[in-house]
């Protein structure tokens, strides 16, 4: 209940996790 957004992040070896894409309801 109460979802604001859903999305995808990615993390390559040795790197920080980064945002790929998000989508709202």
PDBML (XML) file of the C-alpha atoms, coordinates in Angstrom:
<?xml version="1.0" encoding="UTF-8" ?>
<PDBx:datablock datablockName="MODEL"
   xmlns:PDBx="http://pdbml.pdb.org/schema/pdbx-v50.xsd"
   xmlns:xsi="http://www.w3.org/2001/XMLSchema-instance"
   xsi:schemaLocation="http://pdbml.pdb.org/schema/pdbx-v50.xsd pdbx-v50.xsd">
   <PDBx:atom_siteCategory>
      <PDBx:atom_site id="1">
         <PDBx:B_iso_or_equiv>0.00</PDBx:B_iso_or_equiv>
         <PDBx:Cartn_x>0.000</PDBx:Cartn_x>
         <PDBx:Cartn_y>0.000</PDBx:Cartn_y>
         <PDBx:Cartn_z>0.000</PDBx:Cartn_z>
         <PDBx:auth_asym_id>A</PDBx:auth_asym_id>
         <PDBx:auth_atom_id>CA</PDBx:auth_atom_id>
         <PDBx:auth_comp_id>UNK</PDBx:auth_comp_id>
         <PDBx:auth_seq_id>1</PDBx:auth_seq_id>
         <PDBx:group_PDB>ATOM</PDBx:group_PDB>
         <PDBx:label_alt_id xsi:nil="true" />
         <PDBx:label_asym_id>A</PDBx:label_asym_id>
         <PDBx:label_atom_id>CA</PDBx:label_atom_id>
         <PDBx:label_comp_id>UNK</PDBx:label_comp_id>
         <PDBx:label_entity_id>1</PDBx:label_entity_id>
         <PDBx:label_seq_id>1</PDBx:label_seq_id>
         <PDBx:occupancy>1.00</PDBx:occupancy>
         <PDBx:pdbx_PDB_model_num>1</PDBx:pdbx_PDB_model_num>
         <PDBx:type_symbol>C</PDBx:type_symbol>
      </PDBx:atom_site>
      <PDBx:atom_site id="2">
         <PDBx:B_iso_or_equiv>0.00</PDBx:B_iso_or_equiv>
         <PDBx:Cartn_x>1.076</PDBx:Cartn_x>
         <PDBx:Cartn_y>3.584</PDBx:Cartn_y>
         <PDBx:Cartn_z>-0.557</PDBx:Cartn_z>
         <PDBx:auth_asym_id>A</PDBx:auth_asym_id>
         <PDBx:auth_atom_id>CA</PDBx:auth_atom_id>
         <PDBx:auth_comp_id>UNK</PDBx:auth_comp_id>
         <PDBx:auth_seq_id>2</PDBx:auth_seq_id>
         <PDBx:group_PDB>ATOM</PDBx:group_PDB>
         <PDBx:label_alt_id xsi:nil="true" />
         <PDBx:label_asym_id>A</PDBx:label_asym_id>
         <PDBx:label_atom_id>CA</PDBx:label_atom_id>
         <PDBx:label_comp_id>UNK</PDBx:label_comp_id>
         <PDBx:label_entity_id>1</PDBx:label_entity_id>
         <PDBx:label_seq_id>2</PDBx:label_seq_id>
         <PDBx:occupancy>1.00</PDBx:occupancy>
         <PDBx:pdbx_PDB_model_num>1</PDBx:pdbx_PDB_model_num>
         <PDBx:type_symbol>C</PDBx:type_symbol>
      </PDBx:atom_site>
      <PDBx:atom_site id="3">
         <PDBx:B_iso_or_equiv>0.00</PDBx:B_iso_or_equiv>
         <PDBx:Cartn_x>3.629</PDBx:Cartn_x>
         <PDBx:Cartn_y>3.021</PDBx:Cartn_y>
         <PDBx:Cartn_z>-3.318</PDBx:Cartn_z>
         <PDBx:auth_asym_id>A</PDBx:auth_asym_id>
         <PDBx:auth_atom_id>CA</PDBx:auth_atom_id>
         <PDBx:auth_comp_id>UNK</PDBx:auth_comp_id>
         <PDBx:auth_seq_id>3</PDBx:auth_seq_id>
         <PDBx:group_PDB>ATOM</PDBx:group_PDB>
         <PDBx:label_alt_id xsi:nil="true" />
         <PDBx:label_asym_id>A</PDBx:label_asym_id>
         <PDBx:label_atom_id>CA</PDBx:label_atom_id>
         <PDBx:label_comp_id>UNK</PDBx:label_comp_id>
         <PDBx:label_entity_id>1</PDBx:label_entity_id>
         <PDBx:label_seq_id>3</PDBx:label_seq_id>
         <PDBx:occupancy>1.00</PDBx:occupancy>
         <PDBx:pdbx_PDB_model_num>1</PDBx:pdbx_PDB_model_num>
         <PDBx:type_symbol>C</PDBx:type_symbol>
      </PDBx:atom_site>
      <PDBx:atom_site id="4">
         <PDBx:B_iso_or_equiv>0.00</PDBx:B_iso_or_equiv>
         <PDBx:Cartn_x>5.284</PDBx:Cartn_x>
         <PDBx:Cartn_y>6.219</PDBx:Cartn_y>
         <PDBx:Cartn_z>-4.506</PDBx:Cartn_z>
         <PDBx:auth_asym_id>A</PDBx:auth_asym_id>
         <PDBx:auth_atom_id>CA</PDBx:auth_atom_id>
         <PDBx:auth_comp_id>UNK</PDBx:auth_comp_id>
         <PDBx:auth_seq_id>4</PDBx:auth_seq_id>
         <PDBx:group_PDB>ATOM</PDBx:group_PDB>
         <PDBx:label_alt_id xsi:nil="true" />
         <PDBx:label_asym_id>A</PDBx:label_asym_id>
         <PDBx:label_atom_id>CA</PDBx:label_atom_id>
         <PDBx:label_comp_id>UNK</PDBx:label_comp_id>
         <PDBx:label_entity_id>1</PDBx:label_entity_id>
         <PDBx:label_seq_id>4</PDBx:label_seq_id>
         <PDBx:occupancy>1.00</PDBx:occupancy>
         <PDBx:pdbx_PDB_model_num>1</PDBx:pdbx_PDB_model_num>
         <PDBx:type_symbol>C</PDBx:type_symbol>
      </PDBx:atom_site>
      <PDBx:atom_site id="5">
         <PDBx:B_iso_or_equiv>0.00</PDBx:B_iso_or_equiv>
         <PDBx:Cartn_x>7.683</PDBx:Cartn_x>
         <PDBx:Cartn_y>4.940</PDBx:Cartn_y>
         <PDBx:Cartn_z>-7.149</PDBx:Cartn_z>
         <PDBx:auth_asym_id>A</PDBx:auth_asym_id>
         <PDBx:auth_atom_id>CA</PDBx:auth_atom_id>
         <PDBx:auth_comp_id>UNK</PDBx:auth_comp_id>
         <PDBx:auth_seq_id>5</PDBx:auth_seq_id>
         <PDBx:group_PDB>ATOM</PDBx:group_PDB>
         <PDBx:label_alt_id xsi:nil="true" />
         <PDBx:label_asym_id>A</PDBx:label_asym_id>
         <PDBx:label_atom_id>CA</PDBx:label_atom_id>
         <PDBx:label_comp_id>UNK</PDBx:label_comp_id>
         <PDBx:label_entity_id>1</PDBx:label_entity_id>
         <PDBx:label_seq_id>5</PDBx:label_seq_id>
         <PDBx:occupancy>1.00</PDBx:occupancy>
         <PDBx:pdbx_PDB_model_num>1</PDBx:pdbx_PDB_model_num>
         <PDBx:type_symbol>C</PDBx:type_symbol>
      </PDBx:atom_site>
      <PDBx:atom_site id="6">
         <PDBx:B_iso_or_equiv>0.00</PDBx:B_iso_or_equiv>
         <PDBx:Cartn_x>9.172</PDBx:Cartn_x>
         <PDBx:Cartn_y>1.758</PDBx:Cartn_y>
         <PDBx:Cartn_z>-8.498</PDBx:Cartn_z>
         <PDBx:auth_asym_id>A</PDBx:auth_asym_id>
         <PDBx:auth_atom_id>CA</PDBx:auth_atom_id>
         <PDBx:auth_comp_id>UNK</PDBx:auth_comp_id>
         <PDBx:auth_seq_id>6</PDBx:auth_seq_id>
         <PDBx:group_PDB>ATOM</PDBx:group_PDB>
         <PDBx:label_alt_id xsi:nil="true" />
         <PDBx:label_asym_id>A</PDBx:label_asym_id>
         <PDBx:label_atom_id>CA</PDBx:label_atom_id>
         <PDBx:label_comp_id>UNK</PDBx:label_comp_id>
         <PDBx:label_entity_id>1</PDBx:label_entity_id>
         <PDBx:label_seq_id>6</PDBx:label_seq_id>
         <PDBx:occupancy>1.00</PDBx:occupancy>
         <PDBx:pdbx_PDB_model_num>1</PDBx:pdbx_PDB_model_num>
         <PDBx:type_symbol>C</PDBx:type_symbol>
      </PDBx:atom_site>
      <PDBx:atom_site id="7">
         <PDBx:B_iso_or_equiv>0.00</PDBx:B_iso_or_equiv>
         <PDBx:Cartn_x>12.409</PDBx:Cartn_x>
         <PDBx:Cartn_y>1.615</PDBx:Cartn_y>
         <PDBx:Cartn_z>-10.366</PDBx:Cartn_z>
         <PDBx:auth_asym_id>A</PDBx:auth_asym_id>
         <PDBx:auth_atom_id>CA</PDBx:auth_atom_id>
         <PDBx:auth_comp_id>UNK</PDBx:auth_comp_id>
         <PDBx:auth_seq_id>7</PDBx:auth_seq_id>
         <PDBx:group_PDB>ATOM</PDBx:group_PDB>
         <PDBx:label_alt_id xsi:nil="true" />
         <PDBx:label_asym_id>A</PDBx:label_asym_id>
         <PDBx:label_atom_id>CA</PDBx:label_atom_id>
         <PDBx:label_comp_id>UNK</PDBx:label_comp_id>
         <PDBx:label_entity_id>1</PDBx:label_entity_id>
         <PDBx:label_seq_id>7</PDBx:label_seq_id>
         <PDBx:occupancy>1.00</PDBx:occupancy>
         <PDBx:pdbx_PDB_model_num>1</PDBx:pdbx_PDB_model_num>
         <PDBx:type_symbol>C</PDBx:type_symbol>
      </PDBx:atom_site>
      <PDBx:atom_site id="8">
         <PDBx:B_iso_or_equiv>0.00</PDBx:B_iso_or_equiv>
         <PDBx:Cartn_x>15.679</PDBx:Cartn_x>
         <PDBx:Cartn_y>0.021</PDBx:Cartn_y>
         <PDBx:Cartn_z>-11.296</PDBx:Cartn_z>
         <PDBx:auth_asym_id>A</PDBx:auth_asym_id>
         <PDBx:auth_atom_id>CA</PDBx:auth_atom_id>
         <PDBx:auth_comp_id>UNK</PDBx:auth_comp_id>
         <PDBx:auth_seq_id>8</PDBx:auth_seq_id>
         <PDBx:group_PDB>ATOM</PDBx:group_PDB>
         <PDBx:label_alt_id xsi:nil="true" />
         <PDBx:label_asym_id>A</PDBx:label_asym_id>
         <PDBx:label_atom_id>CA</PDBx:label_atom_id>
         <PDBx:label_comp_id>UNK</PDBx:label_comp_id>
         <PDBx:label_entity_id>1</PDBx:label_entity_id>
         <PDBx:label_seq_id>8</PDBx:label_seq_id>
         <PDBx:occupancy>1.00</PDBx:occupancy>
         <PDBx:pdbx_PDB_model_num>1</PDBx:pdbx_PDB_model_num>
         <PDBx:type_symbol>C</PDBx:type_symbol>
      </PDBx:atom_site>
      <PDBx:atom_site id="9">
         <PDBx:B_iso_or_equiv>0.00</PDBx:B_iso_or_equiv>
         <PDBx:Cartn_x>19.185</PDBx:Cartn_x>
         <PDBx:Cartn_y>0.550</PDBx:Cartn_y>
         <PDBx:Cartn_z>-10.022</PDBx:Cartn_z>
         <PDBx:auth_asym_id>A</PDBx:auth_asym_id>
         <PDBx:auth_atom_id>CA</PDBx:auth_atom_id>
         <PDBx:auth_comp_id>UNK</PDBx:auth_comp_id>
         <PDBx:auth_seq_id>9</PDBx:auth_seq_id>
         <PDBx:group_PDB>ATOM</PDBx:group_PDB>
         <PDBx:label_alt_id xsi:nil="true" />
         <PDBx:label_asym_id>A</PDBx:label_asym_id>
         <PDBx:label_atom_id>CA</PDBx:label_atom_id>
         <PDBx:label_comp_id>UNK</PDBx:label_comp_id>
         <PDBx:label_entity_id>1</PDBx:label_entity_id>
         <PDBx:label_seq_id>9</PDBx:label_seq_id>
         <PDBx:occupancy>1.00</PDBx:occupancy>
         <PDBx:pdbx_PDB_model_num>1</PDBx:pdbx_PDB_model_num>
         <PDBx:type_symbol>C</PDBx:type_symbol>
      </PDBx:atom_site>
      <PDBx:atom_site id="10">
         <PDBx:B_iso_or_equiv>0.00</PDBx:B_iso_or_equiv>
         <PDBx:Cartn_x>22.398</PDBx:Cartn_x>
         <PDBx:Cartn_y>-1.144</PDBx:Cartn_y>
         <PDBx:Cartn_z>-11.060</PDBx:Cartn_z>
         <PDBx:auth_asym_id>A</PDBx:auth_asym_id>
         <PDBx:auth_atom_id>CA</PDBx:auth_atom_id>
         <PDBx:auth_comp_id>UNK</PDBx:auth_comp_id>
         <PDBx:auth_seq_id>10</PDBx:auth_seq_id>
         <PDBx:group_PDB>ATOM</PDBx:group_PDB>
         <PDBx:label_alt_id xsi:nil="true" />
         <PDBx:label_asym_id>A</PDBx:label_asym_id>
         <PDBx:label_atom_id>CA</PDBx:label_atom_id>
         <PDBx:label_comp_id>UNK</PDBx:label_comp_id>
         <PDBx:label_entity_id>1</PDBx:label_entity_id>
         <PDBx:label_seq_id>10</PDBx:label_seq_id>
         <PDBx:occupancy>1.00</PDBx:occupancy>
         <PDBx:pdbx_PDB_model_num>1</PDBx:pdbx_PDB_model_num>
         <PDBx:type_symbol>C</PDBx:type_symbol>
      </PDBx:atom_site>
      <PDBx:atom_site id="11">
         <PDBx:B_iso_or_equiv>0.00</PDBx:B_iso_or_equiv>
         <PDBx:Cartn_x>25.783</PDBx:Cartn_x>
         <PDBx:Cartn_y>-1.831</PDBx:Cartn_y>
         <PDBx:Cartn_z>-9.564</PDBx:Cartn_z>
         <PDBx:auth_asym_id>A</PDBx:auth_asym_id>
         <PDBx:auth_atom_id>CA</PDBx:auth_atom_id>
         <PDBx:auth_comp_id>UNK</PDBx:auth_comp_id>
         <PDBx:auth_seq_id>11</PDBx:auth_seq_id>
         <PDBx:group_PDB>ATOM</PDBx:group_PDB>
         <PDBx:label_alt_id xsi:nil="true" />
         <PDBx:label_asym_id>A</PDBx:label_asym_id>
         <PDBx:label_atom_id>CA</PDBx:label_atom_id>
         <PDBx:label_comp_id>UNK</PDBx:label_comp_id>
         <PDBx:label_entity_id>1</PDBx:label_entity_id>
         <PDBx:label_seq_id>11</PDBx:label_seq_id>
         <PDBx:occupancy>1.00</PDBx:occupancy>
         <PDBx:pdbx_PDB_model_num>1</PDBx:pdbx_PDB_model_num>
         <PDBx:type_symbol>C</PDBx:type_symbol>
      </PDBx:atom_site>
      <PDBx:atom_site id="12">
         <PDBx:B_iso_or_equiv>0.00</PDBx:B_iso_or_equiv>
         <PDBx:Cartn_x>28.884</PDBx:Cartn_x>
         <PDBx:Cartn_y>-2.825</PDBx:Cartn_y>
         <PDBx:Cartn_z>-11.484</PDBx:Cartn_z>
         <PDBx:auth_asym_id>A</PDBx:auth_asym_id>
         <PDBx:auth_atom_id>CA</PDBx:auth_atom_id>
         <PDBx:auth_comp_id>UNK</PDBx:auth_comp_id>
         <PDBx:auth_seq_id>12</PDBx:auth_seq_id>
         <PDBx:group_PDB>ATOM</PDBx:group_PDB>
         <PDBx:label_alt_id xsi:nil="true" />
         <PDBx:label_asym_id>A</PDBx:label_asym_id>
         <PDBx:label_atom_id>CA</PDBx:label_atom_id>
         <PDBx:label_comp_id>UNK</PDBx:label_comp_id>
         <PDBx:label_entity_id>1</PDBx:label_entity_id>
         <PDBx:label_seq_id>12</PDBx:label_seq_id>
         <PDBx:occupancy>1.00</PDBx:occupancy>
         <PDBx:pdbx_PDB_model_num>1</PDBx:pdbx_PDB_model_num>
         <PDBx:type_symbol>C</PDBx:type_symbol>
      </PDBx:atom_site>
      <PDBx:atom_site id="13">
         <PDBx:B_iso_or_equiv>0.00</PDBx:B_iso_or_equiv>
         <PDBx:Cartn_x>31.921</PDBx:Cartn_x>
         <PDBx:Cartn_y>-4.363</PDBx:Cartn_y>
         <PDBx:Cartn_z>-9.769</PDBx:Cartn_z>
         <PDBx:auth_asym_id>A</PDBx:auth_asym_id>
         <PDBx:auth_atom_id>CA</PDBx:auth_atom_id>
         <PDBx:auth_comp_id>UNK</PDBx:auth_comp_id>
         <PDBx:auth_seq_id>13</PDBx:auth_seq_id>
         <PDBx:group_PDB>ATOM</PDBx:group_PDB>
         <PDBx:label_alt_id xsi:nil="true" />
         <PDBx:label_asym_id>A</PDBx:label_asym_id>
         <PDBx:label_atom_id>CA</PDBx:label_atom_id>
         <PDBx:label_comp_id>UNK</PDBx:label_comp_id>
         <PDBx:label_entity_id>1</PDBx:label_entity_id>
         <PDBx:label_seq_id>13</PDBx:label_seq_id>
         <PDBx:occupancy>1.00</PDBx:occupancy>
         <PDBx:pdbx_PDB_model_num>1</PDBx:pdbx_PDB_model_num>
         <PDBx:type_symbol>C</PDBx:type_symbol>
      </PDBx:atom_site>
      <PDBx:atom_site id="14">
         <PDBx:B_iso_or_equiv>0.00</PDBx:B_iso_or_equiv>
         <PDBx:Cartn_x>33.868</PDBx:Cartn_x>
         <PDBx:Cartn_y>-1.730</PDBx:Cartn_y>
         <PDBx:Cartn_z>-7.874</PDBx:Cartn_z>
         <PDBx:auth_asym_id>A</PDBx:auth_asym_id>
         <PDBx:auth_atom_id>CA</PDBx:auth_atom_id>
         <PDBx:auth_comp_id>UNK</PDBx:auth_comp_id>
         <PDBx:auth_seq_id>14</PDBx:auth_seq_id>
         <PDBx:group_PDB>ATOM</PDBx:group_PDB>
         <PDBx:label_alt_id xsi:nil="true" />
         <PDBx:label_asym_id>A</PDBx:label_asym_id>
         <PDBx:label_atom_id>CA</PDBx:label_atom_id>
         <PDBx:label_comp_id>UNK</PDBx:label_comp_id>
         <PDBx:label_entity_id>1</PDBx:label_entity_id>
         <PDBx:label_seq_id>14</PDBx:label_seq_id>
         <PDBx:occupancy>1.00</PDBx:occupancy>
         <PDBx:pdbx_PDB_model_num>1</PDBx:pdbx_PDB_model_num>
         <PDBx:type_symbol>C</PDBx:type_symbol>
      </PDBx:atom_site>
      <PDBx:atom_site id="15">
         <PDBx:B_iso_or_equiv>0.00</PDBx:B_iso_or_equiv>
         <PDBx:Cartn_x>31.266</PDBx:Cartn_x>
         <PDBx:Cartn_y>0.968</PDBx:Cartn_y>
         <PDBx:Cartn_z>-8.453</PDBx:Cartn_z>
         <PDBx:auth_asym_id>A</PDBx:auth_asym_id>
         <PDBx:auth_atom_id>CA</PDBx:auth_atom_id>
         <PDBx:auth_comp_id>UNK</PDBx:auth_comp_id>
         <PDBx:auth_seq_id>15</PDBx:auth_seq_id>
         <PDBx:group_PDB>ATOM</PDBx:group_PDB>
         <PDBx:label_alt_id xsi:nil="true" />
         <PDBx:label_asym_id>A</PDBx:label_asym_id>
         <PDBx:label_atom_id>CA</PDBx:label_atom_id>
         <PDBx:label_comp_id>UNK</PDBx:label_comp_id>
         <PDBx:label_entity_id>1</PDBx:label_entity_id>
         <PDBx:label_seq_id>15</PDBx:label_seq_id>
         <PDBx:occupancy>1.00</PDBx:occupancy>
         <PDBx:pdbx_PDB_model_num>1</PDBx:pdbx_PDB_model_num>
         <PDBx:type_symbol>C</PDBx:type_symbol>
      </PDBx:atom_site>
      <PDBx:atom_site id="16">
         <PDBx:B_iso_or_equiv>0.00</PDBx:B_iso_or_equiv>
         <PDBx:Cartn_x>28.487</PDBx:Cartn_x>
         <PDBx:Cartn_y>2.596</PDBx:Cartn_y>
         <PDBx:Cartn_z>-6.473</PDBx:Cartn_z>
         <PDBx:auth_asym_id>A</PDBx:auth_asym_id>
         <PDBx:auth_atom_id>CA</PDBx:auth_atom_id>
         <PDBx:auth_comp_id>UNK</PDBx:auth_comp_id>
         <PDBx:auth_seq_id>16</PDBx:auth_seq_id>
         <PDBx:group_PDB>ATOM</PDBx:group_PDB>
         <PDBx:label_alt_id xsi:nil="true" />
         <PDBx:label_asym_id>A</PDBx:label_asym_id>
         <PDBx:label_atom_id>CA</PDBx:label_atom_id>
         <PDBx:label_comp_id>UNK</PDBx:label_comp_id>
         <PDBx:label_entity_id>1</PDBx:label_entity_id>
         <PDBx:label_seq_id>16</PDBx:label_seq_id>
         <PDBx:occupancy>1.00</PDBx:occupancy>
         <PDBx:pdbx_PDB_model_num>1</PDBx:pdbx_PDB_model_num>
         <PDBx:type_symbol>C</PDBx:type_symbol>
      </PDBx:atom_site>
      <PDBx:atom_site id="17">
         <PDBx:B_iso_or_equiv>0.00</PDBx:B_iso_or_equiv>
         <PDBx:Cartn_x>24.916</PDBx:Cartn_x>
         <PDBx:Cartn_y>1.569</PDBx:Cartn_y>
         <PDBx:Cartn_z>-7.019</PDBx:Cartn_z>
         <PDBx:auth_asym_id>A</PDBx:auth_asym_id>
         <PDBx:auth_atom_id>CA</PDBx:auth_atom_id>
         <PDBx:auth_comp_id>UNK</PDBx:auth_comp_id>
         <PDBx:auth_seq_id>17</PDBx:auth_seq_id>
         <PDBx:group_PDB>ATOM</PDBx:group_PDB>
         <PDBx:label_alt_id xsi:nil="true" />
         <PDBx:label_asym_id>A</PDBx:label_asym_id>
         <PDBx:label_atom_id>CA</PDBx:label_atom_id>
         <PDBx:label_comp_id>UNK</PDBx:label_comp_id>
         <PDBx:label_entity_id>1</PDBx:label_entity_id>
         <PDBx:label_seq_id>17</PDBx:label_seq_id>
         <PDBx:occupancy>1.00</PDBx:occupancy>
         <PDBx:pdbx_PDB_model_num>1</PDBx:pdbx_PDB_model_num>
         <PDBx:type_symbol>C</PDBx:type_symbol>
      </PDBx:atom_site>
      <PDBx:atom_site id="18">
         <PDBx:B_iso_or_equiv>0.00</PDBx:B_iso_or_equiv>
         <PDBx:Cartn_x>23.324</PDBx:Cartn_x>
         <PDBx:Cartn_y>4.027</PDBx:Cartn_y>
         <PDBx:Cartn_z>-9.424</PDBx:Cartn_z>
         <PDBx:auth_asym_id>A</PDBx:auth_asym_id>
         <PDBx:auth_atom_id>CA</PDBx:auth_atom_id>
         <PDBx:auth_comp_id>UNK</PDBx:auth_comp_id>
         <PDBx:auth_seq_id>18</PDBx:auth_seq_id>
         <PDBx:group_PDB>ATOM</PDBx:group_PDB>
         <PDBx:label_alt_id xsi:nil="true" />
         <PDBx:label_asym_id>A</PDBx:label_asym_id>
         <PDBx:label_atom_id>CA</PDBx:label_atom_id>
         <PDBx:label_comp_id>UNK</PDBx:label_comp_id>
         <PDBx:label_entity_id>1</PDBx:label_entity_id>
         <PDBx:label_seq_id>18</PDBx:label_seq_id>
         <PDBx:occupancy>1.00</PDBx:occupancy>
         <PDBx:pdbx_PDB_model_num>1</PDBx:pdbx_PDB_model_num>
         <PDBx:type_symbol>C</PDBx:type_symbol>
      </PDBx:atom_site>
      <PDBx:atom_site id="19">
         <PDBx:B_iso_or_equiv>0.00</PDBx:B_iso_or_equiv>
         <PDBx:Cartn_x>19.825</PDBx:Cartn_x>
         <PDBx:Cartn_y>4.890</PDBx:Cartn_y>
         <PDBx:Cartn_z>-10.512</PDBx:Cartn_z>
         <PDBx:auth_asym_id>A</PDBx:auth_asym_id>
         <PDBx:auth_atom_id>CA</PDBx:auth_atom_id>
         <PDBx:auth_comp_id>UNK</PDBx:auth_comp_id>
         <PDBx:auth_seq_id>19</PDBx:auth_seq_id>
         <PDBx:group_PDB>ATOM</PDBx:group_PDB>
         <PDBx:label_alt_id xsi:nil="true" />
         <PDBx:label_asym_id>A</PDBx:label_asym_id>
         <PDBx:label_atom_id>CA</PDBx:label_atom_id>
         <PDBx:label_comp_id>UNK</PDBx:label_comp_id>
         <PDBx:label_entity_id>1</PDBx:label_entity_id>
         <PDBx:label_seq_id>19</PDBx:label_seq_id>
         <PDBx:occupancy>1.00</PDBx:occupancy>
         <PDBx:pdbx_PDB_model_num>1</PDBx:pdbx_PDB_model_num>
         <PDBx:type_symbol>C</PDBx:type_symbol>
      </PDBx:atom_site>
      <PDBx:atom_site id="20">
         <PDBx:B_iso_or_equiv>0.00</PDBx:B_iso_or_equiv>
         <PDBx:Cartn_x>18.786</PDBx:Cartn_x>
         <PDBx:Cartn_y>3.599</PDBx:Cartn_y>
         <PDBx:Cartn_z>-13.927</PDBx:Cartn_z>
         <PDBx:auth_asym_id>A</PDBx:auth_asym_id>
         <PDBx:auth_atom_id>CA</PDBx:auth_atom_id>
         <PDBx:auth_comp_id>UNK</PDBx:auth_comp_id>
         <PDBx:auth_seq_id>20</PDBx:auth_seq_id>
         <PDBx:group_PDB>ATOM</PDBx:group_PDB>
         <PDBx:label_alt_id xsi:nil="true" />
         <PDBx:label_asym_id>A</PDBx:label_asym_id>
         <PDBx:label_atom_id>CA</PDBx:label_atom_id>
         <PDBx:label_comp_id>UNK</PDBx:label_comp_id>
         <PDBx:label_entity_id>1</PDBx:label_entity_id>
         <PDBx:label_seq_id>20</PDBx:label_seq_id>
         <PDBx:occupancy>1.00</PDBx:occupancy>
         <PDBx:pdbx_PDB_model_num>1</PDBx:pdbx_PDB_model_num>
         <PDBx:type_symbol>C</PDBx:type_symbol>
      </PDBx:atom_site>
      <PDBx:atom_site id="21">
         <PDBx:B_iso_or_equiv>0.00</PDBx:B_iso_or_equiv>
         <PDBx:Cartn_x>15.119</PDBx:Cartn_x>
         <PDBx:Cartn_y>4.536</PDBx:Cartn_y>
         <PDBx:Cartn_z>-14.181</PDBx:Cartn_z>
         <PDBx:auth_asym_id>A</PDBx:auth_asym_id>
         <PDBx:auth_atom_id>CA</PDBx:auth_atom_id>
         <PDBx:auth_comp_id>UNK</PDBx:auth_comp_id>
         <PDBx:auth_seq_id>21</PDBx:auth_seq_id>
         <PDBx:group_PDB>ATOM</PDBx:group_PDB>
         <PDBx:label_alt_id xsi:nil="true" />
         <PDBx:label_asym_id>A</PDBx:label_asym_id>
         <PDBx:label_atom_id>CA</PDBx:label_atom_id>
         <PDBx:label_comp_id>UNK</PDBx:label_comp_id>
         <PDBx:label_entity_id>1</PDBx:label_entity_id>
         <PDBx:label_seq_id>21</PDBx:label_seq_id>
         <PDBx:occupancy>1.00</PDBx:occupancy>
         <PDBx:pdbx_PDB_model_num>1</PDBx:pdbx_PDB_model_num>
         <PDBx:type_symbol>C</PDBx:type_symbol>
      </PDBx:atom_site>
      <PDBx:atom_site id="22">
         <PDBx:B_iso_or_equiv>0.00</PDBx:B_iso_or_equiv>
         <PDBx:Cartn_x>12.064</PDBx:Cartn_x>
         <PDBx:Cartn_y>5.164</PDBx:Cartn_y>
         <PDBx:Cartn_z>-12.026</PDBx:Cartn_z>
         <PDBx:auth_asym_id>A</PDBx:auth_asym_id>
         <PDBx:auth_atom_id>CA</PDBx:auth_atom_id>
         <PDBx:auth_comp_id>UNK</PDBx:auth_comp_id>
         <PDBx:auth_seq_id>22</PDBx:auth_seq_id>
         <PDBx:group_PDB>ATOM</PDBx:group_PDB>
         <PDBx:label_alt_id xsi:nil="true" />
         <PDBx:label_asym_id>A</PDBx:label_asym_id>
         <PDBx:label_atom_id>CA</PDBx:label_atom_id>
         <PDBx:label_comp_id>UNK</PDBx:label_comp_id>
         <PDBx:label_entity_id>1</PDBx:label_entity_id>
         <PDBx:label_seq_id>22</PDBx:label_seq_id>
         <PDBx:occupancy>1.00</PDBx:occupancy>
         <PDBx:pdbx_PDB_model_num>1</PDBx:pdbx_PDB_model_num>
         <PDBx:type_symbol>C</PDBx:type_symbol>
      </PDBx:atom_site>
      <PDBx:atom_site id="23">
         <PDBx:B_iso_or_equiv>0.00</PDBx:B_iso_or_equiv>
         <PDBx:Cartn_x>8.344</PDBx:Cartn_x>
         <PDBx:Cartn_y>5.365</PDBx:Cartn_y>
         <PDBx:Cartn_z>-12.662</PDBx:Cartn_z>
         <PDBx:auth_asym_id>A</PDBx:auth_asym_id>
         <PDBx:auth_atom_id>CA</PDBx:auth_atom_id>
         <PDBx:auth_comp_id>UNK</PDBx:auth_comp_id>
         <PDBx:auth_seq_id>23</PDBx:auth_seq_id>
         <PDBx:group_PDB>ATOM</PDBx:group_PDB>
         <PDBx:label_alt_id xsi:nil="true" />
         <PDBx:label_asym_id>A</PDBx:label_asym_id>
         <PDBx:label_atom_id>CA</PDBx:label_atom_id>
         <PDBx:label_comp_id>UNK</PDBx:label_comp_id>
         <PDBx:label_entity_id>1</PDBx:label_entity_id>
         <PDBx:label_seq_id>23</PDBx:label_seq_id>
         <PDBx:occupancy>1.00</PDBx:occupancy>
         <PDBx:pdbx_PDB_model_num>1</PDBx:pdbx_PDB_model_num>
         <PDBx:type_symbol>C</PDBx:type_symbol>
      </PDBx:atom_site>
      <PDBx:atom_site id="24">
         <PDBx:B_iso_or_equiv>0.00</PDBx:B_iso_or_equiv>
         <PDBx:Cartn_x>5.457</PDBx:Cartn_x>
         <PDBx:Cartn_y>6.639</PDBx:Cartn_y>
         <PDBx:Cartn_z>-10.581</PDBx:Cartn_z>
         <PDBx:auth_asym_id>A</PDBx:auth_asym_id>
         <PDBx:auth_atom_id>CA</PDBx:auth_atom_id>
         <PDBx:auth_comp_id>UNK</PDBx:auth_comp_id>
         <PDBx:auth_seq_id>24</PDBx:auth_seq_id>
         <PDBx:group_PDB>ATOM</PDBx:group_PDB>
         <PDBx:label_alt_id xsi:nil="true" />
         <PDBx:label_asym_id>A</PDBx:label_asym_id>
         <PDBx:label_atom_id>CA</PDBx:label_atom_id>
         <PDBx:label_comp_id>UNK</PDBx:label_comp_id>
         <PDBx:label_entity_id>1</PDBx:label_entity_id>
         <PDBx:label_seq_id>24</PDBx:label_seq_id>
         <PDBx:occupancy>1.00</PDBx:occupancy>
         <PDBx:pdbx_PDB_model_num>1</PDBx:pdbx_PDB_model_num>
         <PDBx:type_symbol>C</PDBx:type_symbol>
      </PDBx:atom_site>
      <PDBx:atom_site id="25">
         <PDBx:B_iso_or_equiv>0.00</PDBx:B_iso_or_equiv>
         <PDBx:Cartn_x>2.028</PDBx:Cartn_x>
         <PDBx:Cartn_y>5.064</PDBx:Cartn_y>
         <PDBx:Cartn_z>-10.345</PDBx:Cartn_z>
         <PDBx:auth_asym_id>A</PDBx:auth_asym_id>
         <PDBx:auth_atom_id>CA</PDBx:auth_atom_id>
         <PDBx:auth_comp_id>UNK</PDBx:auth_comp_id>
         <PDBx:auth_seq_id>25</PDBx:auth_seq_id>
         <PDBx:group_PDB>ATOM</PDBx:group_PDB>
         <PDBx:label_alt_id xsi:nil="true" />
         <PDBx:label_asym_id>A</PDBx:label_asym_id>
         <PDBx:label_atom_id>CA</PDBx:label_atom_id>
         <PDBx:label_comp_id>UNK</PDBx:label_comp_id>
         <PDBx:label_entity_id>1</PDBx:label_entity_id>
         <PDBx:label_seq_id>25</PDBx:label_seq_id>
         <PDBx:occupancy>1.00</PDBx:occupancy>
         <PDBx:pdbx_PDB_model_num>1</PDBx:pdbx_PDB_model_num>
         <PDBx:type_symbol>C</PDBx:type_symbol>
      </PDBx:atom_site>
   </PDBx:atom_siteCategory>
</PDBx:datablock>
